[in-house]
Amino acid sequence: MPSIATPDISGDVKITWDPTNPEDVKNAKDHFDKLKKDGHIFFKVGDDGQKGKKVKEFDEKMAELVCEFDPKADVVSMPLPRGG
C-alpha cells in the first residue's frame, strides 16, 4: 500500500491509502501538498522496500527525488533545514 513517511523525534509518522479509493487518494494528495508547502522534499522508496545504505552525500543513483504526488508511490518526506 502506498505511503508517505515523515521522520520525527519519535521515529516517523506514516500515512497510507488505497490507490483505488478516490477519497483516500485526495486526502493523501492534500497531505503531500501541505508538506510540500511547508518546505518538505520527497524521495521515492525503492520497490524492494529494503532500507537504503547510509551515505555522506546525495547520490542520484540511490534515490529518486519526487516533485509531484504519485498515488502509487511510497515516499519519505524530509523538511529542508531553515535558518533562524
PDB file of N, CA and C in Angstrom:
ATOM      1  N   MET A   1       0.850  -1.173   0.000  1.00  0.00           N
ATOM      2  CA  MET A   1       0.000   0.000   0.000  1.00  0.00           C
ATOM      3  C   MET A   1       0.898   1.239   0.000  1.00  0.00           C
ATOM      4  N   PRO A   2       0.621   2.221  -0.846  1.00  0.00           N
ATOM      5  CA  PRO A   2       1.451   3.427  -0.911  1.00  0.00           C
ATOM      6  C   PRO A   2       1.433   4.188   0.417  1.00  0.00           C
ATOM      7  N   SER A   3       2.481   4.973   0.634  1.00  0.00           N
ATOM      8  CA  SER A   3       2.578   5.709   1.897  1.00  0.00           C
ATOM      9  C   SER A   3       3.446   6.948   1.756  1.00  0.00           C
ATOM     10  N   ILE A   4       3.274   7.843   2.743  1.00  0.00           N
ATOM     11  CA  ILE A   4       4.180   8.973   2.940  1.00  0.00           C
ATOM     12  C   ILE A   4       4.676   8.854   4.369  1.00  0.00           C
ATOM     13  N   ALA A   5       5.979   8.696   4.533  1.00  0.00           N
ATOM     14  CA  ALA A   5       6.591   8.610   5.859  1.00  0.00           C
ATOM     15  C   ALA A   5       7.336   9.907   6.127  1.00  0.00           C
ATOM     16  N   THR A   6       7.108  10.473   7.310  1.00  0.00           N
ATOM     17  CA  THR A   6       7.770  11.708   7.701  1.00  0.00           C
ATOM     18  C   THR A   6       8.500  11.463   9.022  1.00  0.00           C
ATOM     19  N   PRO A   7       9.844  11.429   9.008  1.00  0.00           N
ATOM     20  CA  PRO A   7      10.593  11.206  10.236  1.00  0.00           C
ATOM     21  C   PRO A   7      10.354  12.329  11.251  1.00  0.00           C
ATOM     22  N   ASP A   8      10.292  11.945  12.522  1.00  0.00           N
ATOM     23  CA  ASP A   8      10.224  12.925  13.608  1.00  0.00           C
ATOM     24  C   ASP A   8      10.961  12.348  14.811  1.00  0.00           C
ATOM     25  N   ILE A   9      10.888  13.015  15.940  1.00  0.00           N
ATOM     26  CA  ILE A   9      11.669  12.575  17.106  1.00  0.00           C
ATOM     27  C   ILE A   9      11.212  11.232  17.656  1.00  0.00           C
ATOM     28  N   SER A  10      10.013  10.792  17.318  1.00  0.00           N
ATOM     29  CA  SER A  10       9.529   9.506  17.815  1.00  0.00           C
ATOM     30  C   SER A  10       9.824   8.359  16.842  1.00  0.00           C
ATOM     31  N   GLY A  11      10.367   8.644  15.693  1.00  0.00           N
ATOM     32  CA  GLY A  11      10.639   7.637  14.672  1.00  0.00           C
ATOM     33  C   GLY A  11      10.155   8.153  13.338  1.00  0.00           C
ATOM     34  N   ASP A  12       8.880   7.930  13.043  1.00  0.00           N
ATOM     35  CA  ASP A  12       8.285   8.562  11.874  1.00  0.00           C
ATOM     36  C   ASP A  12       6.762   8.470  11.954  1.00  0.00           C
ATOM     37  N   VAL A  13       6.135   9.353  11.231  1.00  0.00           N
ATOM     38  CA  VAL A  13       4.680   9.353  11.085  1.00  0.00           C
ATOM     39  C   VAL A  13       4.421   8.885   9.666  1.00  0.00           C
ATOM     40  N   LYS A  14       3.571   7.886   9.519  1.00  0.00           N
ATOM     41  CA  LYS A  14       3.316   7.325   8.195  1.00  0.00           C
ATOM     42  C   LYS A  14       1.819   7.330   7.921  1.00  0.00           C
ATOM     43  N   ILE A  15       1.459   7.834   6.744  1.00  0.00           N
ATOM     44  CA  ILE A  15       0.076   7.702   6.308  1.00  0.00           C
ATOM     45  C   ILE A  15       0.059   6.772   5.093  1.00  0.00           C
ATOM     46  N   THR A  16      -0.982   5.971   5.005  1.00  0.00           N
ATOM     47  CA  THR A  16      -1.153   5.065   3.876  1.00  0.00           C
ATOM     48  C   THR A  16      -2.542   5.275   3.291  1.00  0.00           C
ATOM     49  N   TRP A  17      -2.736   4.810   2.073  1.00  0.00           N
ATOM     50  CA  TRP A  17      -4.037   4.950   1.422  1.00  0.00           C
ATOM     51  C   TRP A  17      -4.222   3.842   0.396  1.00  0.00           C
ATOM     52  N   ASP A  18      -5.475   3.653   0.018  1.00  0.00           N
ATOM     53  CA  ASP A  18      -5.844   2.698  -1.021  1.00  0.00           C
ATOM     54  C   ASP A  18      -5.849   3.459  -2.344  1.00  0.00           C
ATOM     55  N   PRO A  19      -4.939   3.133  -3.280  1.00  0.00           N
ATOM     56  CA  PRO A  19      -4.857   3.887  -4.530  1.00  0.00           C
ATOM     57  C   PRO A  19      -6.080   3.720  -5.434  1.00  0.00           C
ATOM     58  N   THR A  20      -6.964   2.782  -5.108  1.00  0.00           N
ATOM     59  CA  THR A  20      -8.183   2.610  -5.905  1.00  0.00           C
ATOM     60  C   THR A  20      -9.363   3.377  -5.312  1.00  0.00           C
ATOM     61  N   ASN A  21      -9.146   4.024  -4.159  1.00  0.00           N
ATOM     62  CA  ASN A  21     -10.212   4.778  -3.496  1.00  0.00           C
ATOM     63  C   ASN A  21      -9.967   6.271  -3.727  1.00  0.00           C
ATOM     64  N   PRO A  22     -10.816   6.934  -4.534  1.00  0.00           N
ATOM     65  CA  PRO A  22     -10.590   8.358  -4.859  1.00  0.00           C
ATOM     66  C   PRO A  22     -10.524   9.275  -3.638  1.00  0.00           C
ATOM     67  N   GLU A  23     -11.312   9.006  -2.609  1.00  0.00           N
ATOM     68  CA  GLU A  23     -11.274   9.853  -1.414  1.00  0.00           C
ATOM     69  C   GLU A  23      -9.946   9.688  -0.669  1.00  0.00           C
ATOM     70  N   ASP A  24      -9.461   8.440  -0.563  1.00  0.00           N
ATOM     71  CA  ASP A  24      -8.153   8.197   0.055  1.00  0.00           C
ATOM     72  C   ASP A  24      -7.051   8.925  -0.710  1.00  0.00           C
ATOM     73  N   VAL A  25      -7.094   8.840  -2.040  1.00  0.00           N
ATOM     74  CA  VAL A  25      -6.069   9.479  -2.879  1.00  0.00           C
ATOM     75  C   VAL A  25      -6.106  10.993  -2.704  1.00  0.00           C
ATOM     76  N   LYS A  26      -7.303  11.571  -2.670  1.00  0.00           N
ATOM     77  CA  LYS A  26      -7.423  13.020  -2.468  1.00  0.00           C
ATOM     78  C   LYS A  26      -6.835  13.431  -1.127  1.00  0.00           C
ATOM     79  N   ASN A  27      -7.160  12.684  -0.061  1.00  0.00           N
ATOM     80  CA  ASN A  27      -6.617  13.012   1.266  1.00  0.00           C
ATOM     81  C   ASN A  27      -5.098  12.888   1.294  1.00  0.00           C
ATOM     82  N   ALA A  28      -4.556  11.866   0.639  1.00  0.00           N
ATOM     83  CA  ALA A  28      -3.103  11.691   0.594  1.00  0.00           C
ATOM     84  C   ALA A  28      -2.447  12.824  -0.195  1.00  0.00           C
ATOM     85  N   LYS A  29      -3.058  13.211  -1.322  1.00  0.00           N
ATOM     86  CA  LYS A  29      -2.511  14.319  -2.115  1.00  0.00           C
ATOM     87  C   LYS A  29      -2.559  15.617  -1.326  1.00  0.00           C
ATOM     88  N   ASP A  30      -3.646  15.851  -0.604  1.00  0.00           N
ATOM     89  CA  ASP A  30      -3.736  17.050   0.239  1.00  0.00           C
ATOM     90  C   ASP A  30      -2.621  17.069   1.280  1.00  0.00           C
ATOM     91  N   HIS A  31      -2.346  15.903   1.889  1.00  0.00           N
ATOM     92  CA  HIS A  31      -1.267  15.796   2.881  1.00  0.00           C
ATOM     93  C   HIS A  31       0.093  16.079   2.217  1.00  0.00           C
ATOM     94  N   PHE A  32       0.330  15.485   1.048  1.00  0.00           N
ATOM     95  CA  PHE A  32       1.562  15.713   0.290  1.00  0.00           C
ATOM     96  C   PHE A  32       1.731  17.199  -0.009  1.00  0.00           C
ATOM     97  N   ASP A  33       0.647  17.820  -0.518  1.00  0.00           N
ATOM     98  CA  ASP A  33       0.705  19.238  -0.880  1.00  0.00           C
ATOM     99  C   ASP A  33       0.986  20.125   0.326  1.00  0.00           C
ATOM    100  N   LYS A  34       0.409  19.789   1.483  1.00  0.00           N
ATOM    101  CA  LYS A  34       0.653  20.573   2.702  1.00  0.00           C
ATOM    102  C   LYS A  34       2.121  20.455   3.122  1.00  0.00           C
ATOM    103  N   LEU A  35       2.635  19.226   3.123  1.00  0.00           N
ATOM    104  CA  LEU A  35       4.042  19.044   3.479  1.00  0.00           C
ATOM    105  C   LEU A  35       4.952  19.796   2.513  1.00  0.00           C
ATOM    106  N   LYS A  36       4.631  19.724   1.231  1.00  0.00           N
ATOM    107  CA  LYS A  36       5.443  20.425   0.219  1.00  0.00           C
ATOM    108  C   LYS A  36       5.414  21.931   0.466  1.00  0.00           C
ATOM    109  N   LYS A  37       4.222  22.466   0.751  1.00  0.00           N
ATOM    110  CA  LYS A  37       4.086  23.898   1.043  1.00  0.00           C
ATOM    111  C   LYS A  37       4.882  24.289   2.287  1.00  0.00           C
ATOM    112  N   ASP A  38       4.967  23.361   3.254  1.00  0.00           N
ATOM    113  CA  ASP A  38       5.706  23.607   4.490  1.00  0.00           C
ATOM    114  C   ASP A  38       7.216  23.421   4.324  1.00  0.00           C
ATOM    115  N   GLY A  39       7.667  23.142   3.088  1.00  0.00           N
ATOM    116  CA  GLY A  39       9.108  23.072   2.827  1.00  0.00           C
ATOM    117  C   GLY A  39       9.706  21.681   2.840  1.00  0.00           C
ATOM    118  N   HIS A  40       8.893  20.643   2.738  1.00  0.00           N
ATOM    119  CA  HIS A  40       9.425  19.284   2.693  1.00  0.00           C
ATOM    120  C   HIS A  40       9.805  18.923   1.263  1.00  0.00           C
ATOM    121  N   ILE A  41      10.798  18.040   1.151  1.00  0.00           N
ATOM    122  CA  ILE A  41      11.132  17.422  -0.123  1.00  0.00           C
ATOM    123  C   ILE A  41      10.831  15.933   0.025  1.00  0.00           C
ATOM    124  N   PHE A  42      10.704  15.232  -1.098  1.00  0.00           N
ATOM    125  CA  PHE A  42      10.254  13.848  -1.080  1.00  0.00           C
ATOM    126  C   PHE A  42      11.182  12.965  -1.890  1.00  0.00           C
ATOM    127  N   PHE A  43      11.416  11.763  -1.366  1.00  0.00           N
ATOM    128  CA  PHE A  43      12.224  10.764  -2.047  1.00  0.00           C
ATOM    129  C   PHE A  43      11.427   9.480  -2.159  1.00  0.00           C
ATOM    130  N   LYS A  44      11.470   8.874  -3.330  1.00  0.00           N
ATOM    131  CA  LYS A  44      10.765   7.624  -3.564  1.00  0.00           C
ATOM    132  C   LYS A  44      11.493   6.482  -2.872  1.00  0.00           C
ATOM    133  N   VAL A  45      10.722   5.620  -2.212  1.00  0.00           N
ATOM    134  CA  VAL A  45      11.269   4.434  -1.555  1.00  0.00           C
ATOM    135  C   VAL A  45      11.431   3.353  -2.616  1.00  0.00           C
ATOM    136  N   GLY A  46      12.522   2.596  -2.536  1.00  0.00           N
ATOM    137  CA  GLY A  46      12.773   1.542  -3.513  1.00  0.00           C
ATOM    138  C   GLY A  46      11.649   0.518  -3.579  1.00  0.00           C
ATOM    139  N   ASP A  47      11.437  -0.039  -4.752  1.00  0.00           N
ATOM    140  CA  ASP A  47      10.375  -1.018  -4.949  1.00  0.00           C
ATOM    141  C   ASP A  47      10.548  -2.263  -4.092  1.00  0.00           C
ATOM    142  N   ASP A  48      11.781  -2.573  -3.720  1.00  0.00           N
ATOM    143  CA  ASP A  48      12.001  -3.773  -2.911  1.00  0.00           C
ATOM    144  C   ASP A  48      11.704  -3.530  -1.435  1.00  0.00           C
ATOM    145  N   GLY A  49      11.475  -2.257  -1.056  1.00  0.00           N
ATOM    146  CA  GLY A  49      11.132  -1.931   0.326  1.00  0.00           C
ATOM    147  C   GLY A  49      12.278  -2.067   1.308  1.00  0.00           C
ATOM    148  N   GLN A  50      13.472  -2.349   0.824  1.00  0.00           N
ATOM    149  CA  GLN A  50      14.626  -2.524   1.700  1.00  0.00           C
ATOM    150  C   GLN A  50      15.179  -1.175   2.146  1.00  0.00           C
ATOM    151  N   LYS A  51      15.797  -1.188   3.311  1.00  0.00           N
ATOM    152  CA  LYS A  51      16.442   0.027   3.791  1.00  0.00           C
ATOM    153  C   LYS A  51      17.625   0.355   2.896  1.00  0.00           C
ATOM    154  N   GLY A  52      17.854   1.639   2.740  1.00  0.00           N
ATOM    155  CA  GLY A  52      18.987   2.083   1.937  1.00  0.00           C
ATOM    156  C   GLY A  52      20.286   2.055   2.725  1.00  0.00           C
ATOM    157  N   LYS A  53      21.353   2.408   2.049  1.00  0.00           N
ATOM    158  CA  LYS A  53      22.663   2.487   2.681  1.00  0.00           C
ATOM    159  C   LYS A  53      22.857   3.885   3.252  1.00  0.00           C
ATOM    160  N   LYS A  54      23.644   3.988   4.311  1.00  0.00           N
ATOM    161  CA  LYS A  54      23.985   5.302   4.838  1.00  0.00           C
ATOM    162  C   LYS A  54      24.940   5.972   3.862  1.00  0.00           C
ATOM    163  N   VAL A  55      24.688   7.231   3.584  1.00  0.00           N
ATOM    164  CA  VAL A  55      25.528   7.969   2.652  1.00  0.00           C
ATOM    165  C   VAL A  55      25.961   9.283   3.292  1.00  0.00           C
ATOM    166  N   LYS A  56      27.097   9.795   2.849  1.00  0.00           N
ATOM    167  CA  LYS A  56      27.594  11.067   3.352  1.00  0.00           C
ATOM    168  C   LYS A  56      27.190  12.223   2.463  1.00  0.00           C
ATOM    169  N   GLU A  57      26.832  11.939   1.218  1.00  0.00           N
ATOM    170  CA  GLU A  57      26.355  12.971   0.311  1.00  0.00           C
ATOM    171  C   GLU A  57      25.332  12.352  -0.635  1.00  0.00           C
ATOM    172  N   PHE A  58      24.481  13.184  -1.212  1.00  0.00           N
ATOM    173  CA  PHE A  58      23.407  12.698  -2.073  1.00  0.00           C
ATOM    174  C   PHE A  58      23.970  12.044  -3.319  1.00  0.00           C
ATOM    175  N   ASP A  59      23.442  10.890  -3.640  1.00  0.00           N
ATOM    176  CA  ASP A  59      23.814  10.169  -4.853  1.00  0.00           C
ATOM    177  C   ASP A  59      22.526   9.919  -5.626  1.00  0.00           C
ATOM    178  N   GLU A  60      22.356  10.579  -6.764  1.00  0.00           N
ATOM    179  CA  GLU A  60      21.100  10.482  -7.509  1.00  0.00           C
ATOM    180  C   GLU A  60      20.821   9.083  -8.015  1.00  0.00           C
ATOM    181  N   LYS A  61      21.822   8.202  -8.042  1.00  0.00           N
ATOM    182  CA  LYS A  61      21.591   6.825  -8.449  1.00  0.00           C
ATOM    183  C   LYS A  61      20.937   6.010  -7.333  1.00  0.00           C
ATOM    184  N   MET A  62      20.999   6.506  -6.103  1.00  0.00           N
ATOM    185  CA  MET A  62      20.458   5.760  -4.963  1.00  0.00           C
ATOM    186  C   MET A  62      19.066   6.221  -4.549  1.00  0.00           C
ATOM    187  N   ALA A  63      18.659   7.411  -4.944  1.00  0.00           N
ATOM    188  CA  ALA A  63      17.360   7.932  -4.527  1.00  0.00           C
ATOM    189  C   ALA A  63      16.756   8.742  -5.661  1.00  0.00           C
ATOM    190  N   GLU A  64      15.432   8.726  -5.700  1.00  0.00           N
ATOM    191  CA  GLU A  64      14.732   9.497  -6.719  1.00  0.00           C
ATOM    192  C   GLU A  64      13.965  10.618  -6.038  1.00  0.00           C
ATOM    193  N   LEU A  65      14.297  11.837  -6.379  1.00  0.00           N
ATOM    194  CA  LEU A  65      13.596  12.999  -5.858  1.00  0.00           C
ATOM    195  C   LEU A  65      12.215  13.056  -6.494  1.00  0.00           C
ATOM    196  N   VAL A  66      11.181  13.256  -5.693  1.00  0.00           N
ATOM    197  CA  VAL A  66       9.802  13.300  -6.173  1.00  0.00           C
ATOM    198  C   VAL A  66       9.307  14.737  -6.065  1.00  0.00           C
ATOM    199  N   CYS A  67       8.797  15.267  -7.173  1.00  0.00           N
ATOM    200  CA  CYS A  67       8.297  16.645  -7.179  1.00  0.00           C
ATOM    201  C   CYS A  67       6.779  16.726  -7.252  1.00  0.00           C
ATOM    202  N   GLU A  68       6.145  15.673  -7.724  1.00  0.00           N
ATOM    203  CA  GLU A  68       4.690  15.643  -7.858  1.00  0.00           C
ATOM    204  C   GLU A  68       4.142  14.408  -7.167  1.00  0.00           C
ATOM    205  N   PHE A  69       2.935  14.511  -6.622  1.00  0.00           N
ATOM    206  CA  PHE A  69       2.282  13.397  -5.954  1.00  0.00           C
ATOM    207  C   PHE A  69       2.032  12.253  -6.932  1.00  0.00           C
ATOM    208  N   ASP A  70       2.400  11.048  -6.527  1.00  0.00           N
ATOM    209  CA  ASP A  70       2.121   9.833  -7.295  1.00  0.00           C
ATOM    210  C   ASP A  70       1.307   8.928  -6.387  1.00  0.00           C
ATOM    211  N   PRO A  71       0.038   8.663  -6.716  1.00  0.00           N
ATOM    212  CA  PRO A  71      -0.827   7.905  -5.814  1.00  0.00           C
ATOM    213  C   PRO A  71      -0.411   6.455  -5.612  1.00  0.00           C
ATOM    214  N   LYS A  72       0.582   5.973  -6.380  1.00  0.00           N
ATOM    215  CA  LYS A  72       1.011   4.579  -6.241  1.00  0.00           C
ATOM    216  C   LYS A  72       2.399   4.438  -5.631  1.00  0.00           C
ATOM    217  N   ALA A  73       2.999   5.547  -5.217  1.00  0.00           N
ATOM    218  CA  ALA A  73       4.382   5.513  -4.746  1.00  0.00           C
ATOM    219  C   ALA A  73       4.489   5.570  -3.223  1.00  0.00           C
ATOM    220  N   ASP A  74       5.519   4.915  -2.712  1.00  0.00           N
ATOM    221  CA  ASP A  74       5.930   5.076  -1.314  1.00  0.00           C
ATOM    222  C   ASP A  74       7.005   6.141  -1.294  1.00  0.00           C
ATOM    223  N   VAL A  75       6.820   7.160  -0.455  1.00  0.00           N
ATOM    224  CA  VAL A  75       7.805   8.230  -0.381  1.00  0.00           C
ATOM    225  C   VAL A  75       8.144   8.545   1.071  1.00  0.00           C
ATOM    226  N   VAL A  76       9.302   9.145   1.246  1.00  0.00           N
ATOM    227  CA  VAL A  76       9.736   9.683   2.536  1.00  0.00           C
ATOM    228  C   VAL A  76       9.822  11.185   2.367  1.00  0.00           C
ATOM    229  N   SER A  77       9.209  11.928   3.288  1.00  0.00           N
ATOM    230  CA  SER A  77       9.306  13.385   3.231  1.00  0.00           C
ATOM    231  C   SER A  77      10.324  13.857   4.252  1.00  0.00           C
ATOM    232  N   MET A  78      11.072  14.860   3.861  1.00  0.00           N
ATOM    233  CA  MET A  78      12.104  15.419   4.742  1.00  0.00           C
ATOM    234  C   MET A  78      11.982  16.939   4.742  1.00  0.00           C
ATOM    235  N   PRO A  79      11.921  17.547   5.927  1.00  0.00           N
ATOM    236  CA  PRO A  79      11.884  19.003   5.953  1.00  0.00           C
ATOM    237  C   PRO A  79      13.256  19.556   5.585  1.00  0.00           C
ATOM    238  N   LEU A  80      13.249  20.640   4.815  1.00  0.00           N
ATOM    239  CA  LEU A  80      14.504  21.304   4.493  1.00  0.00           C
ATOM    240  C   LEU A  80      14.967  22.101   5.702  1.00  0.00           C
ATOM    241  N   PRO A  81      16.260  22.167   5.945  1.00  0.00           N
ATOM    242  CA  PRO A  81      16.750  22.986   7.067  1.00  0.00           C
ATOM    243  C   PRO A  81      16.402  24.435   6.852  1.00  0.00           C
ATOM    244  N   ARG A  82      16.099  25.123   7.956  1.00  0.00           N
ATOM    245  CA  ARG A  82      15.777  26.556   7.900  1.00  0.00           C
ATOM    246  C   ARG A  82      16.658  27.309   8.881  1.00  0.00           C
ATOM    247  N   GLY A  83      17.089  28.446   8.434  1.00  0.00           N
ATOM    248  CA  GLY A  83      17.887  29.298   9.310  1.00  0.00           C
ATOM    249  C   GLY A  83      16.985  30.095  10.226  1.00  0.00           C
ATOM    250  N   GLY A  84      17.523  30.589  11.306  1.00  0.00           N
ATOM    251  CA  GLY A  84      16.706  31.335  12.245  1.00  0.00           C
ATOM    252  C   GLY A  84      17.223  32.665  12.415  1.00  0.00           C
TER     253      GLY A  84
END
